[in-house]
Structure formats: C-alpha cells, structure tokens
Amino acid sequence: MELLSTPKNIEINNITCDSFRISWAMEKGDLERVTHYFIDLNKKENKNSNKFKHRDVPTKLVAKAVPLPMTVRGHWFLSPRTEYSVAVQTAVKQSDGEYLVSGWSETVEFCTGDYAKEHLAQLQEKAELIAGRMLRFSVFYRNQHKDYFQHVRMHCGNVMKPSLKDNSGSHGSPTSGMLHGIFFSCNTEFNTGQPPQDSPYGRYRFQIPAQRLFNPNTNLYFADFYCMYTAYHYVVLVLAPKGSSGDLFCRERLPQLDISSNKFLTCCVEDGELVYRHAQDSILEVIYTEPVDLSLGVLGEISGHQLMSLSTANAKKDPSCKTCNISVGR
C-alpha cells in the first residue's frame, strides 16, 4: 500500500481551559484513505517543578478520522493555563487490524486558557453548598508583619498599594497573576462576633470599618473556591468600586454577586443603617482593588499566635477534593 504523507502546517485555535481545535494539511490523495488520527499531547515540563514528583504521562490520543478542524476536549488530561506540545500522525487501519501510519508532524506548542465565567459559576454553586449561615461583622482586617506597615508609612505615603495576586487557589482562576488588589479578611468567631486573635500572616492587624470598602457603590465578584488538603475551604471574593479598573477587569471575567443577597458576603440596609454579614463555614479572602490609606482604620497588635500552617500564599489547590473541584481542568 502506498505510504501516507506527513501532516504539515499544524494550526491550533479556539483554545479554552480544557479543549482546543486542531487542523493540518494532508496530500489530497490521503484524505480519502485516512481512517484514524494519532495525537501526541505532552505537558511542557516546568523548570521549577518538583524533580522528585512523578512526571505526567504523555497522552497518545487515537481518534477516528473526521473533517478538520477537530476539537480535542478532556479535563482528564488537559489543565487550564498550562503549556502543551502536540504532534499528529495519520493512519489507515488495514484488514488485519494493523495500521499503516504517516510520519509524525512537526511539534507545535500552545497554552490552555483560564476558567471562563461558566466554569466559575459551577465553582460558585459548589461553594454555596457549604457556606453555612450568615454572621454579622463590622470590620475588614489585614494582618502583616511590623516591617510591612512601617514600609507603608515611610515609603508609600501611608497608603497600602494593590499588588499582583499570587498563584494560590485554583490553577484556572483568571485573577491569579492578573488582578491587582489588597487582601482582607472578615471572618469572625461565632461565639464573640469579633475577628480571631490568631493569624498566619503577621502579628500586626489593620482594621477598617466595613463601609469604607463595601457599600452600594461597590461591586462584588466571586473569584475562586479551593482547599489545601484540609477540611476547611476558602472562598475568594473581589470588591471593586464601580467603574474602577478592577471593576472593569472583573466584569469581563468573573460572576457578579448581588451585594444584598448572596451566600458569602452581604451589605444590606436595615433600619436605615448598613449591616454586614459573612458566611460562617468558609474562610473568606476578600480582594479590594484600590489603594487604602492607613488613616481610614486602626493598626494594632494581636494577642494570639501566628499560625503559619494556615497561610495561603501561593497555596496549591487539592485536585482530588470532590467538594471544591469541577469537571474541567483543575
């Protein structure tokens, strides 16, 4: 049987967090003969990856020949925001069950995308299931080391500046490495109604009245839901003043929440006053997208311990947790 030509001019497009479309050119005579495609998909090795960890097994996909371009989809082997290399081979299945194959094409590299809004909406639904009842609170707070606040006072005009979000949480979160903001907490102890006296981030705490950051002129967005191989879960929310650059960024990428009616963080008018509530059973990480002047709040030292084991700095999400993972790339 006449040999098959090697596929050429590989094109990759319509890339999402867990799919892509691929096409290539074949000799005209091969179009009618080819019965199968072999696709060799490999995750590019990260130079910073743990060398003691097992390598990802290369994925060889076998597909019946269909008109090109064809869509390759599968959360079991594609992860979001990840670099891959791909090569293709065409084949004709013969009467004896063996394959006549072409040579491998050149290798093409591409990177998968972030979670889209519909994926984040699925995460949001999962997060809502475990949010628990709502507790009242009155302040947002931010813990850091003494040196951080001294630097803000001496070199930043007493203003905390937004910084780029790290890669903690879901690998597909569109905020990681893209959104600038300042992390705040708002969780309280159910028995006292006050912020806990322990923190993983430092012994110095800046507290600011909730209405300074969260009010009817603020938009609220759901950004992520994850855990770190633990029983408790984190929900990441974004507070962005309406019309700000952070608001515009989030509006395109994140599900927006009703500030007075959602399962995580609310701001309601009751008896003429703004009343604030947070979910009891999730640890909320609130990103505020604008600078914050220290003069708007109070700085003090906490009496508890610094629980480093609870730090989420660059924390990796547990990909096996059924509570906080969805059926797309982790």
C-alpha atoms as a PDB file:
ATOM      1  CA  MET A   1       0.000   0.000   0.000  1.00  0.00           C
ATOM      2  CA  GLU A   2       1.218   3.497  -0.853  1.00  0.00           C
ATOM      3  CA  LEU A   3       2.773   5.377   2.064  1.00  0.00           C
ATOM      4  CA  LEU A   4       0.955   8.277   3.721  1.00  0.00           C
ATOM      5  CA  SER A   5       2.310  11.792   3.568  1.00  0.00           C
ATOM      6  CA  THR A   6       3.422  13.509   6.769  1.00  0.00           C
ATOM      7  CA  PRO A   7       0.881  16.036   8.144  1.00  0.00           C
ATOM      8  CA  LYS A   8       2.084  19.642   7.924  1.00  0.00           C
ATOM      9  CA  ASN A   9       1.005  23.211   8.722  1.00  0.00           C
ATOM     10  CA  ILE A  10      -0.456  22.359  12.124  1.00  0.00           C
ATOM     11  CA  GLU A  11      -2.873  25.011  13.387  1.00  0.00           C
ATOM     12  CA  ILE A  12      -4.265  25.332  16.919  1.00  0.00           C
ATOM     13  CA  ASN A  13      -7.163  27.670  17.735  1.00  0.00           C
ATOM     14  CA  ASN A  14     -10.347  28.044  19.840  1.00  0.00           C
ATOM     15  CA  ILE A  15      -8.306  27.270  22.960  1.00  0.00           C
ATOM     16  CA  THR A  16     -10.183  27.033  26.290  1.00  0.00           C
ATOM     17  CA  CYS A  17      -9.184  25.769  29.729  1.00  0.00           C
ATOM     18  CA  ASP A  18      -9.834  22.144  28.713  1.00  0.00           C
ATOM     19  CA  SER A  19     -10.138  21.998  24.914  1.00  0.00           C
ATOM     20  CA  PHE A  20      -8.675  23.162  21.621  1.00  0.00           C
ATOM     21  CA  ARG A  21      -9.293  22.809  17.891  1.00  0.00           C
ATOM     22  CA  ILE A  22      -6.592  21.402  15.661  1.00  0.00           C
ATOM     23  CA  SER A  23      -6.177  21.146  11.895  1.00  0.00           C
ATOM     24  CA  TRP A  24      -3.397  20.301   9.462  1.00  0.00           C
ATOM     25  CA  ALA A  25      -2.742  19.815   5.773  1.00  0.00           C
ATOM     26  CA  MET A  26      -2.576  16.415   4.060  1.00  0.00           C
ATOM     27  CA  GLU A  27      -1.926  15.354   0.490  1.00  0.00           C
ATOM     28  CA  LYS A  28      -5.176  15.217  -1.468  1.00  0.00           C
ATOM     29  CA  GLY A  29      -4.847  11.502  -2.097  1.00  0.00           C
ATOM     30  CA  ASP A  30      -4.597  10.792   1.621  1.00  0.00           C
ATOM     31  CA  LEU A  31      -7.879  12.482   2.505  1.00  0.00           C
ATOM     32  CA  GLU A  32      -9.958   9.566   1.231  1.00  0.00           C
ATOM     33  CA  ARG A  33      -7.691   6.882   2.678  1.00  0.00           C
ATOM     34  CA  VAL A  34      -7.019   8.000   6.247  1.00  0.00           C
ATOM     35  CA  THR A  35      -9.217   6.292   8.847  1.00  0.00           C
ATOM     36  CA  HIS A  36      -7.598   7.445  12.104  1.00  0.00           C
ATOM     37  CA  TYR A  37      -5.603  10.280  13.661  1.00  0.00           C
ATOM     38  CA  PHE A  38      -2.952   9.794  16.351  1.00  0.00           C
ATOM     39  CA  ILE A  39      -2.352  12.875  18.501  1.00  0.00           C
ATOM     40  CA  ASP A  40       0.697  13.057  20.774  1.00  0.00           C
ATOM     41  CA  LEU A  41      -0.045  15.557  23.551  1.00  0.00           C
ATOM     42  CA  ASN A  42       2.576  16.388  26.185  1.00  0.00           C
ATOM     43  CA  LYS A  43       2.628  18.839  29.059  1.00  0.00           C
ATOM     44  CA  LYS A  44       5.715  21.015  28.886  1.00  0.00           C
ATOM     45  CA  GLU A  45       7.995  20.403  31.839  1.00  0.00           C
ATOM     46  CA  ASN A  46       8.167  23.252  34.334  1.00  0.00           C
ATOM     47  CA  LYS A  47      11.751  24.099  35.214  1.00  0.00           C
ATOM     48  CA  ASN A  48      10.606  24.831  38.767  1.00  0.00           C
ATOM     49  CA  SER A  49       8.662  21.595  39.174  1.00  0.00           C
ATOM     50  CA  ASN A  50       9.490  19.153  41.927  1.00  0.00           C
ATOM     51  CA  LYS A  51      12.050  16.769  40.421  1.00  0.00           C
ATOM     52  CA  PHE A  52      11.072  14.052  42.899  1.00  0.00           C
ATOM     53  CA  LYS A  53       7.468  14.100  41.753  1.00  0.00           C
ATOM     54  CA  HIS A  54       6.451  11.654  39.026  1.00  0.00           C
ATOM     55  CA  ARG A  55       6.231  13.133  35.542  1.00  0.00           C
ATOM     56  CA  ASP A  56       2.930  13.439  33.757  1.00  0.00           C
ATOM     57  CA  VAL A  57       2.407  10.518  31.420  1.00  0.00           C
ATOM     58  CA  PRO A  58       2.369  11.630  27.765  1.00  0.00           C
ATOM     59  CA  THR A  59      -1.079  11.271  26.233  1.00  0.00           C
ATOM     60  CA  LYS A  60      -1.499   9.495  22.898  1.00  0.00           C
ATOM     61  CA  LEU A  61      -4.990  10.099  21.574  1.00  0.00           C
ATOM     62  CA  VAL A  62      -6.493   7.865  18.898  1.00  0.00           C
ATOM     63  CA  ALA A  63      -9.442   9.332  17.020  1.00  0.00           C
ATOM     64  CA  LYS A  64     -11.431   8.217  14.018  1.00  0.00           C
ATOM     65  CA  ALA A  65     -10.833  10.483  11.053  1.00  0.00           C
ATOM     66  CA  VAL A  66     -13.295  13.377  10.896  1.00  0.00           C
ATOM     67  CA  PRO A  67     -13.344  16.537   8.793  1.00  0.00           C
ATOM     68  CA  LEU A  68     -10.789  19.054  10.036  1.00  0.00           C
ATOM     69  CA  PRO A  69     -10.559  21.093  12.175  1.00  0.00           C
ATOM     70  CA  MET A  70     -11.397  18.718  15.023  1.00  0.00           C
ATOM     71  CA  THR A  71     -11.973  19.545  18.676  1.00  0.00           C
ATOM     72  CA  VAL A  72      -9.856  17.850  21.336  1.00  0.00           C
ATOM     73  CA  ARG A  73     -11.530  18.010  24.724  1.00  0.00           C
ATOM     74  CA  GLY A  74     -10.944  16.294  28.033  1.00  0.00           C
ATOM     75  CA  HIS A  75     -10.491  17.516  31.612  1.00  0.00           C
ATOM     76  CA  TRP A  76      -8.766  14.234  32.489  1.00  0.00           C
ATOM     77  CA  PHE A  77      -5.661  15.229  30.518  1.00  0.00           C
ATOM     78  CA  LEU A  78      -5.934  18.988  29.927  1.00  0.00           C
ATOM     79  CA  SER A  79      -5.392  21.539  32.688  1.00  0.00           C
ATOM     80  CA  PRO A  80      -6.046  25.286  32.478  1.00  0.00           C
ATOM     81  CA  ARG A  81      -3.260  27.834  31.985  1.00  0.00           C
ATOM     82  CA  THR A  82      -0.780  25.080  31.114  1.00  0.00           C
ATOM     83  CA  GLU A  83       1.729  24.808  28.239  1.00  0.00           C
ATOM     84  CA  TYR A  84       1.499  21.764  25.976  1.00  0.00           C
ATOM     85  CA  SER A  85       3.217  20.444  22.880  1.00  0.00           C
ATOM     86  CA  VAL A  86       1.309  18.489  20.256  1.00  0.00           C
ATOM     87  CA  ALA A  87       2.185  16.471  17.136  1.00  0.00           C
ATOM     88  CA  VAL A  88      -0.058  14.426  14.845  1.00  0.00           C
ATOM     89  CA  GLN A  89       0.166  11.303  12.752  1.00  0.00           C
ATOM     90  CA  THR A  90      -2.390   9.934  10.294  1.00  0.00           C
ATOM     91  CA  ALA A  91      -3.159   6.249   9.808  1.00  0.00           C
ATOM     92  CA  VAL A  92      -5.075   3.757   7.719  1.00  0.00           C
ATOM     93  CA  LYS A  93      -6.475   0.747   9.556  1.00  0.00           C
ATOM     94  CA  GLN A  94      -5.875  -2.351   7.437  1.00  0.00           C
ATOM     95  CA  SER A  95      -7.901  -5.548   7.165  1.00  0.00           C
ATOM     96  CA  ASP A  96      -5.562  -7.387   9.552  1.00  0.00           C
ATOM     97  CA  GLY A  97      -6.110  -4.764  12.243  1.00  0.00           C
ATOM     98  CA  GLU A  98      -2.682  -3.214  11.854  1.00  0.00           C
ATOM     99  CA  TYR A  99      -2.155   0.442  10.958  1.00  0.00           C
ATOM    100  CA  LEU A 100      -0.288   1.998   8.068  1.00  0.00           C
ATOM    101  CA  VAL A 101       0.974   5.269   9.553  1.00  0.00           C
ATOM    102  CA  SER A 102       2.460   8.510   8.304  1.00  0.00           C
ATOM    103  CA  GLY A 103       5.470  10.195   9.831  1.00  0.00           C
ATOM    104  CA  TRP A 104       4.942  12.469  12.817  1.00  0.00           C
ATOM    105  CA  SER A 105       4.276  16.102  12.043  1.00  0.00           C
ATOM    106  CA  GLU A 106       6.343  18.907  13.467  1.00  0.00           C
ATOM    107  CA  THR A 107       5.635  19.710  17.112  1.00  0.00           C
ATOM    108  CA  VAL A 108       3.525  22.774  17.905  1.00  0.00           C
ATOM    109  CA  GLU A 109       3.252  24.429  21.324  1.00  0.00           C
ATOM    110  CA  PHE A 110       0.252  26.192  22.876  1.00  0.00           C
ATOM    111  CA  CYS A 111      -1.109  27.232  26.264  1.00  0.00           C
ATOM    112  CA  THR A 112      -4.600  26.467  27.558  1.00  0.00           C
ATOM    113  CA  GLY A 113      -6.830  29.257  28.856  1.00  0.00           C
ATOM    114  CA  ASP A 114      -8.295  30.260  32.216  1.00  0.00           C
ATOM    115  CA  TYR A 115     -11.658  29.270  33.635  1.00  0.00           C
ATOM    116  CA  ALA A 116     -14.474  31.017  31.783  1.00  0.00           C
ATOM    117  CA  LYS A 117     -17.426  32.574  33.615  1.00  0.00           C
ATOM    118  CA  GLU A 118     -19.474  29.390  33.227  1.00  0.00           C
ATOM    119  CA  HIS A 119     -16.749  27.362  34.968  1.00  0.00           C
ATOM    120  CA  LEU A 120     -16.546  29.877  37.817  1.00  0.00           C
ATOM    121  CA  ALA A 121     -20.348  29.729  38.109  1.00  0.00           C
ATOM    122  CA  GLN A 122     -20.011  25.969  38.699  1.00  0.00           C
ATOM    123  CA  LEU A 123     -17.412  26.619  41.404  1.00  0.00           C
ATOM    124  CA  GLN A 124     -19.713  29.216  42.930  1.00  0.00           C
ATOM    125  CA  GLU A 125     -22.578  26.711  43.121  1.00  0.00           C
ATOM    126  CA  LYS A 126     -20.322  24.251  44.934  1.00  0.00           C
ATOM    127  CA  ALA A 127     -19.138  26.936  47.328  1.00  0.00           C
ATOM    128  CA  GLU A 128     -22.718  27.927  48.121  1.00  0.00           C
ATOM    129  CA  LEU A 129     -23.487  24.387  49.278  1.00  0.00           C
ATOM    130  CA  ILE A 130     -21.099  24.641  52.245  1.00  0.00           C
ATOM    131  CA  ALA A 131     -21.228  28.377  53.015  1.00  0.00           C
ATOM    132  CA  GLY A 132     -23.385  27.943  56.116  1.00  0.00           C
ATOM    133  CA  ARG A 133     -25.360  30.583  57.954  1.00  0.00           C
ATOM    134  CA  MET A 134     -24.513  34.285  57.824  1.00  0.00           C
ATOM    135  CA  LEU A 135     -22.873  36.069  60.777  1.00  0.00           C
ATOM    136  CA  ARG A 136     -22.770  39.815  61.343  1.00  0.00           C
ATOM    137  CA  PHE A 137     -19.454  41.677  61.217  1.00  0.00           C
ATOM    138  CA  SER A 138     -18.369  45.296  61.207  1.00  0.00           C
ATOM    139  CA  VAL A 139     -14.718  45.479  60.095  1.00  0.00           C
ATOM    140  CA  PHE A 140     -12.406  44.163  57.417  1.00  0.00           C
ATOM    141  CA  TYR A 141      -8.911  43.406  58.664  1.00  0.00           C
ATOM    142  CA  ARG A 142      -5.466  42.719  57.234  1.00  0.00           C
ATOM    143  CA  ASN A 143      -2.604  41.085  59.110  1.00  0.00           C
ATOM    144  CA  GLN A 144       1.025  41.643  58.206  1.00  0.00           C
ATOM    145  CA  HIS A 145       4.427  41.886  59.859  1.00  0.00           C
ATOM    146  CA  LYS A 146       5.514  45.103  61.540  1.00  0.00           C
ATOM    147  CA  ASP A 147       8.004  45.805  58.721  1.00  0.00           C
ATOM    148  CA  TYR A 148       5.196  45.886  56.155  1.00  0.00           C
ATOM    149  CA  PHE A 149       3.294  48.659  57.896  1.00  0.00           C
ATOM    150  CA  GLN A 150       6.492  50.598  58.617  1.00  0.00           C
ATOM    151  CA  HIS A 151       7.298  50.469  54.894  1.00  0.00           C
ATOM    152  CA  VAL A 152       3.788  51.698  54.016  1.00  0.00           C
ATOM    153  CA  ARG A 153       4.167  54.646  56.385  1.00  0.00           C
ATOM    154  CA  MET A 154       7.705  55.631  55.430  1.00  0.00           C
ATOM    155  CA  HIS A 155       7.814  54.916  51.693  1.00  0.00           C
ATOM    156  CA  CYS A 156       4.206  54.759  50.424  1.00  0.00           C
ATOM    157  CA  GLY A 157       2.657  57.904  51.867  1.00  0.00           C
ATOM    158  CA  ASN A 158       0.748  55.910  54.490  1.00  0.00           C
ATOM    159  CA  VAL A 159      -1.194  54.169  51.680  1.00  0.00           C
ATOM    160  CA  MET A 160      -1.349  50.407  51.112  1.00  0.00           C
ATOM    161  CA  LYS A 161      -0.973  49.789  47.375  1.00  0.00           C
ATOM    162  CA  PRO A 162      -2.606  46.928  45.433  1.00  0.00           C
ATOM    163  CA  SER A 163      -0.216  44.149  44.441  1.00  0.00           C
ATOM    164  CA  LEU A 164      -0.480  41.350  41.904  1.00  0.00           C
ATOM    165  CA  LYS A 165      -2.403  38.329  43.152  1.00  0.00           C
ATOM    166  CA  ASP A 166      -0.239  35.236  43.568  1.00  0.00           C
ATOM    167  CA  ASN A 167      -0.985  31.780  42.144  1.00  0.00           C
ATOM    168  CA  SER A 168      -2.808  30.398  45.166  1.00  0.00           C
ATOM    169  CA  GLY A 169      -6.108  28.603  44.672  1.00  0.00           C
ATOM    170  CA  SER A 170      -7.484  27.041  41.506  1.00  0.00           C
ATOM    171  CA  HIS A 171      -4.971  26.806  38.689  1.00  0.00           C
ATOM    172  CA  GLY A 172      -7.543  28.142  36.247  1.00  0.00           C
ATOM    173  CA  SER A 173      -8.506  31.261  38.199  1.00  0.00           C
ATOM    174  CA  PRO A 174      -8.381  34.294  35.865  1.00  0.00           C
ATOM    175  CA  THR A 175      -7.313  36.525  38.768  1.00  0.00           C
ATOM    176  CA  SER A 176      -4.020  34.724  39.502  1.00  0.00           C
ATOM    177  CA  GLY A 177      -1.085  36.773  38.278  1.00  0.00           C
ATOM    178  CA  MET A 178      -3.501  39.215  36.611  1.00  0.00           C
ATOM    179  CA  LEU A 179      -5.552  41.151  39.166  1.00  0.00           C
ATOM    180  CA  HIS A 180      -4.044  43.788  41.444  1.00  0.00           C
ATOM    181  CA  GLY A 181      -5.568  44.122  44.885  1.00  0.00           C
ATOM    182  CA  ILE A 182      -5.159  44.133  48.663  1.00  0.00           C
ATOM    183  CA  PHE A 183      -6.164  41.042  50.636  1.00  0.00           C
ATOM    184  CA  PHE A 184      -8.519  41.496  53.584  1.00  0.00           C
ATOM    185  CA  SER A 185     -10.317  39.099  55.893  1.00  0.00           C
ATOM    186  CA  CYS A 186     -13.698  39.496  57.563  1.00  0.00           C
ATOM    187  CA  ASN A 187     -14.384  36.179  59.304  1.00  0.00           C
ATOM    188  CA  THR A 188     -15.362  36.405  62.949  1.00  0.00           C
ATOM    189  CA  GLU A 189     -15.524  33.927  65.811  1.00  0.00           C
ATOM    190  CA  PHE A 190     -19.114  32.800  66.190  1.00  0.00           C
ATOM    191  CA  ASN A 191     -19.021  32.999  69.991  1.00  0.00           C
ATOM    192  CA  THR A 192     -17.592  36.542  70.249  1.00  0.00           C
ATOM    193  CA  GLY A 193     -18.550  38.160  66.937  1.00  0.00           C
ATOM    194  CA  GLN A 194     -15.001  39.540  66.776  1.00  0.00           C
ATOM    195  CA  PRO A 195     -12.057  38.745  64.452  1.00  0.00           C
ATOM    196  CA  PRO A 196      -9.923  35.836  65.708  1.00  0.00           C
ATOM    197  CA  GLN A 197      -6.793  36.688  67.684  1.00  0.00           C
ATOM    198  CA  ASP A 198      -4.652  34.278  65.637  1.00  0.00           C
ATOM    199  CA  SER A 199      -3.369  34.851  62.088  1.00  0.00           C
ATOM    200  CA  PRO A 200      -0.954  33.170  59.648  1.00  0.00           C
ATOM    201  CA  TYR A 201       0.158  36.487  58.147  1.00  0.00           C
ATOM    202  CA  GLY A 202       1.666  38.513  60.972  1.00  0.00           C
ATOM    203  CA  ARG A 203       1.041  39.876  64.451  1.00  0.00           C
ATOM    204  CA  TYR A 204       0.060  43.378  63.338  1.00  0.00           C
ATOM    205  CA  ARG A 205      -3.516  43.944  62.220  1.00  0.00           C
ATOM    206  CA  PHE A 206      -5.078  46.844  60.343  1.00  0.00           C
ATOM    207  CA  GLN A 207      -8.838  47.119  60.900  1.00  0.00           C
ATOM    208  CA  ILE A 208     -11.109  49.300  58.793  1.00  0.00           C
ATOM    209  CA  PRO A 209     -14.865  49.877  59.108  1.00  0.00           C
ATOM    210  CA  ALA A 210     -16.654  47.637  56.601  1.00  0.00           C
ATOM    211  CA  GLN A 211     -18.481  50.533  54.928  1.00  0.00           C
ATOM    212  CA  ARG A 212     -15.163  52.078  53.855  1.00  0.00           C
ATOM    213  CA  LEU A 213     -14.593  49.169  51.433  1.00  0.00           C
ATOM    214  CA  PHE A 214     -18.056  47.707  50.885  1.00  0.00           C
ATOM    215  CA  ASN A 215     -21.117  49.847  50.159  1.00  0.00           C
ATOM    216  CA  PRO A 216     -23.734  50.358  47.422  1.00  0.00           C
ATOM    217  CA  ASN A 217     -21.044  51.990  45.238  1.00  0.00           C
ATOM    218  CA  THR A 218     -19.020  48.752  45.262  1.00  0.00           C
ATOM    219  CA  ASN A 219     -19.407  45.721  43.015  1.00  0.00           C
ATOM    220  CA  LEU A 220     -18.819  42.229  44.411  1.00  0.00           C
ATOM    221  CA  TYR A 221     -17.490  39.288  42.389  1.00  0.00           C
ATOM    222  CA  PHE A 222     -16.927  35.581  43.005  1.00  0.00           C
ATOM    223  CA  ALA A 223     -13.350  34.601  42.087  1.00  0.00           C
ATOM    224  CA  ASP A 224     -12.463  31.149  43.461  1.00  0.00           C
ATOM    225  CA  PHE A 225     -13.221  28.221  45.766  1.00  0.00           C
ATOM    226  CA  TYR A 226     -10.475  25.884  46.980  1.00  0.00           C
ATOM    227  CA  CYS A 227      -8.877  23.927  49.804  1.00  0.00           C
ATOM    228  CA  MET A 228      -5.333  22.890  50.659  1.00  0.00           C
ATOM    229  CA  TYR A 229      -5.762  19.203  51.539  1.00  0.00           C
ATOM    230  CA  THR A 230      -7.787  20.278  54.588  1.00  0.00           C
ATOM    231  CA  ALA A 231     -11.385  20.014  55.772  1.00  0.00           C
ATOM    232  CA  TYR A 232     -11.994  23.769  55.644  1.00  0.00           C
ATOM    233  CA  HIS A 233     -12.423  25.694  52.405  1.00  0.00           C
ATOM    234  CA  TYR A 234     -11.570  29.151  51.116  1.00  0.00           C
ATOM    235  CA  VAL A 235     -13.780  31.429  49.033  1.00  0.00           C
ATOM    236  CA  VAL A 236     -12.093  34.298  47.177  1.00  0.00           C
ATOM    237  CA  LEU A 237     -14.208  37.393  46.545  1.00  0.00           C
ATOM    238  CA  VAL A 238     -13.344  40.694  44.880  1.00  0.00           C
ATOM    239  CA  LEU A 239     -14.603  44.105  45.992  1.00  0.00           C
ATOM    240  CA  ALA A 240     -14.210  46.757  43.288  1.00  0.00           C
ATOM    241  CA  PRO A 241     -15.549  50.330  43.330  1.00  0.00           C
ATOM    242  CA  LYS A 242     -17.962  50.756  40.436  1.00  0.00           C
ATOM    243  CA  GLY A 243     -16.227  51.933  37.268  1.00  0.00           C
ATOM    244  CA  SER A 244     -12.696  51.298  38.572  1.00  0.00           C
ATOM    245  CA  SER A 245     -10.096  49.431  36.516  1.00  0.00           C
ATOM    246  CA  GLY A 246     -10.518  46.446  38.853  1.00  0.00           C
ATOM    247  CA  ASP A 247     -14.266  46.535  38.277  1.00  0.00           C
ATOM    248  CA  LEU A 248     -13.803  46.514  34.508  1.00  0.00           C
ATOM    249  CA  PHE A 249     -11.357  43.591  34.761  1.00  0.00           C
ATOM    250  CA  CYS A 250     -13.761  41.552  36.898  1.00  0.00           C
ATOM    251  CA  ARG A 251     -16.868  42.371  34.885  1.00  0.00           C
ATOM    252  CA  GLU A 252     -15.381  40.602  31.859  1.00  0.00           C
ATOM    253  CA  ARG A 253     -14.118  37.541  33.701  1.00  0.00           C
ATOM    254  CA  LEU A 254     -15.942  36.848  36.986  1.00  0.00           C
ATOM    255  CA  PRO A 255     -19.538  36.147  38.060  1.00  0.00           C
ATOM    256  CA  GLN A 256     -21.013  39.223  39.752  1.00  0.00           C
ATOM    257  CA  LEU A 257     -22.868  38.801  43.040  1.00  0.00           C
ATOM    258  CA  ASP A 258     -25.840  40.735  44.385  1.00  0.00           C
ATOM    259  CA  ILE A 259     -24.337  42.645  47.335  1.00  0.00           C
ATOM    260  CA  SER A 260     -27.524  42.343  49.391  1.00  0.00           C
ATOM    261  CA  SER A 261     -28.384  38.718  48.589  1.00  0.00           C
ATOM    262  CA  ASN A 262     -25.712  36.066  48.207  1.00  0.00           C
ATOM    263  CA  LYS A 263     -24.314  33.170  50.256  1.00  0.00           C
ATOM    264  CA  PHE A 264     -20.910  34.681  51.107  1.00  0.00           C
ATOM    265  CA  LEU A 265     -20.771  38.395  51.895  1.00  0.00           C
ATOM    266  CA  THR A 266     -23.656  40.859  52.095  1.00  0.00           C
ATOM    267  CA  CYS A 267     -24.291  44.553  52.632  1.00  0.00           C
ATOM    268  CA  CYS A 268     -27.919  45.413  53.416  1.00  0.00           C
ATOM    269  CA  VAL A 269     -29.787  48.471  54.650  1.00  0.00           C
ATOM    270  CA  GLU A 270     -31.635  47.662  57.878  1.00  0.00           C
ATOM    271  CA  ASP A 271     -33.391  50.380  59.910  1.00  0.00           C
ATOM    272  CA  GLY A 272     -31.551  52.996  57.887  1.00  0.00           C
ATOM    273  CA  GLU A 273     -28.076  51.552  58.533  1.00  0.00           C
ATOM    274  CA  LEU A 274     -25.712  49.347  56.524  1.00  0.00           C
ATOM    275  CA  VAL A 275     -25.471  45.870  58.036  1.00  0.00           C
ATOM    276  CA  TYR A 276     -22.777  43.369  57.039  1.00  0.00           C
ATOM    277  CA  ARG A 277     -22.759  39.570  57.151  1.00  0.00           C
ATOM    278  CA  HIS A 278     -20.282  36.853  56.157  1.00  0.00           C
ATOM    279  CA  ALA A 279     -20.618  33.093  55.637  1.00  0.00           C
ATOM    280  CA  GLN A 280     -19.750  31.148  58.777  1.00  0.00           C
ATOM    281  CA  ASP A 281     -18.427  27.911  57.294  1.00  0.00           C
ATOM    282  CA  SER A 282     -15.981  29.249  54.681  1.00  0.00           C
ATOM    283  CA  ILE A 283     -12.805  31.269  55.136  1.00  0.00           C
ATOM    284  CA  LEU A 284     -13.312  34.380  53.024  1.00  0.00           C
ATOM    285  CA  GLU A 285     -10.384  36.006  51.242  1.00  0.00           C
ATOM    286  CA  VAL A 286     -11.523  39.437  50.082  1.00  0.00           C
ATOM    287  CA  ILE A 287      -9.506  41.302  47.463  1.00  0.00           C
ATOM    288  CA  TYR A 288     -10.041  45.077  47.412  1.00  0.00           C
ATOM    289  CA  THR A 289      -8.813  46.504  44.107  1.00  0.00           C
ATOM    290  CA  GLU A 290      -7.932  50.077  45.162  1.00  0.00           C
ATOM    291  CA  PRO A 291      -5.300  51.704  47.439  1.00  0.00           C
ATOM    292  CA  VAL A 292      -6.248  52.042  51.117  1.00  0.00           C
ATOM    293  CA  ASP A 293      -4.986  54.812  53.410  1.00  0.00           C
ATOM    294  CA  LEU A 294      -3.999  53.634  56.894  1.00  0.00           C
ATOM    295  CA  SER A 295      -5.641  56.749  58.341  1.00  0.00           C
ATOM    296  CA  LEU A 296      -9.037  55.210  57.490  1.00  0.00           C
ATOM    297  CA  GLY A 297      -8.610  52.476  60.092  1.00  0.00           C
ATOM    298  CA  VAL A 298      -6.770  51.360  63.197  1.00  0.00           C
ATOM    299  CA  LEU A 299      -3.479  49.446  63.472  1.00  0.00           C
ATOM    300  CA  GLY A 300      -2.748  47.234  66.455  1.00  0.00           C
ATOM    301  CA  GLU A 301      -1.037  44.042  67.606  1.00  0.00           C
ATOM    302  CA  ILE A 302      -2.962  40.794  68.099  1.00  0.00           C
ATOM    303  CA  SER A 303      -2.583  38.719  71.247  1.00  0.00           C
ATOM    304  CA  GLY A 304      -2.769  35.283  69.588  1.00  0.00           C
ATOM    305  CA  HIS A 305      -0.353  33.106  67.664  1.00  0.00           C
ATOM    306  CA  GLN A 306       0.947  33.307  64.127  1.00  0.00           C
ATOM    307  CA  LEU A 307      -0.432  30.107  62.572  1.00  0.00           C
ATOM    308  CA  MET A 308       1.877  29.652  59.586  1.00  0.00           C
ATOM    309  CA  SER A 309       0.207  26.367  58.625  1.00  0.00           C
ATOM    310  CA  LEU A 310      -2.911  28.335  57.629  1.00  0.00           C
ATOM    311  CA  SER A 311      -1.114  30.645  55.213  1.00  0.00           C
ATOM    312  CA  THR A 312      -2.465  30.522  51.655  1.00  0.00           C
ATOM    313  CA  ALA A 313       0.480  32.304  49.993  1.00  0.00           C
ATOM    314  CA  ASN A 314       0.931  30.516  46.640  1.00  0.00           C
ATOM    315  CA  ALA A 315      -1.062  27.609  48.095  1.00  0.00           C
ATOM    316  CA  LYS A 316      -1.833  24.781  45.703  1.00  0.00           C
ATOM    317  CA  LYS A 317      -5.381  23.506  45.461  1.00  0.00           C
ATOM    318  CA  ASP A 318      -6.139  19.875  46.295  1.00  0.00           C
ATOM    319  CA  PRO A 319      -7.078  18.441  42.867  1.00  0.00           C
ATOM    320  CA  SER A 320      -8.731  15.367  44.419  1.00  0.00           C
ATOM    321  CA  CYS A 321     -11.254  17.187  46.632  1.00  0.00           C
ATOM    322  CA  LYS A 322     -14.783  16.459  45.456  1.00  0.00           C
ATOM    323  CA  THR A 323     -16.175  19.435  47.347  1.00  0.00           C
ATOM    324  CA  CYS A 324     -14.299  22.190  45.500  1.00  0.00           C
ATOM    325  CA  ASN A 325     -13.363  20.761  42.087  1.00  0.00           C
ATOM    326  CA  ILE A 326     -15.421  20.849  38.889  1.00  0.00           C
ATOM    327  CA  SER A 327     -15.336  18.673  35.775  1.00  0.00           C
ATOM    328  CA  VAL A 328     -12.839  20.779  33.860  1.00  0.00           C
ATOM    329  CA  GLY A 329      -9.101  21.205  34.313  1.00  0.00           C
ATOM    330  CA  ARG A 330      -8.037  21.691  37.924  1.00  0.00           C
END
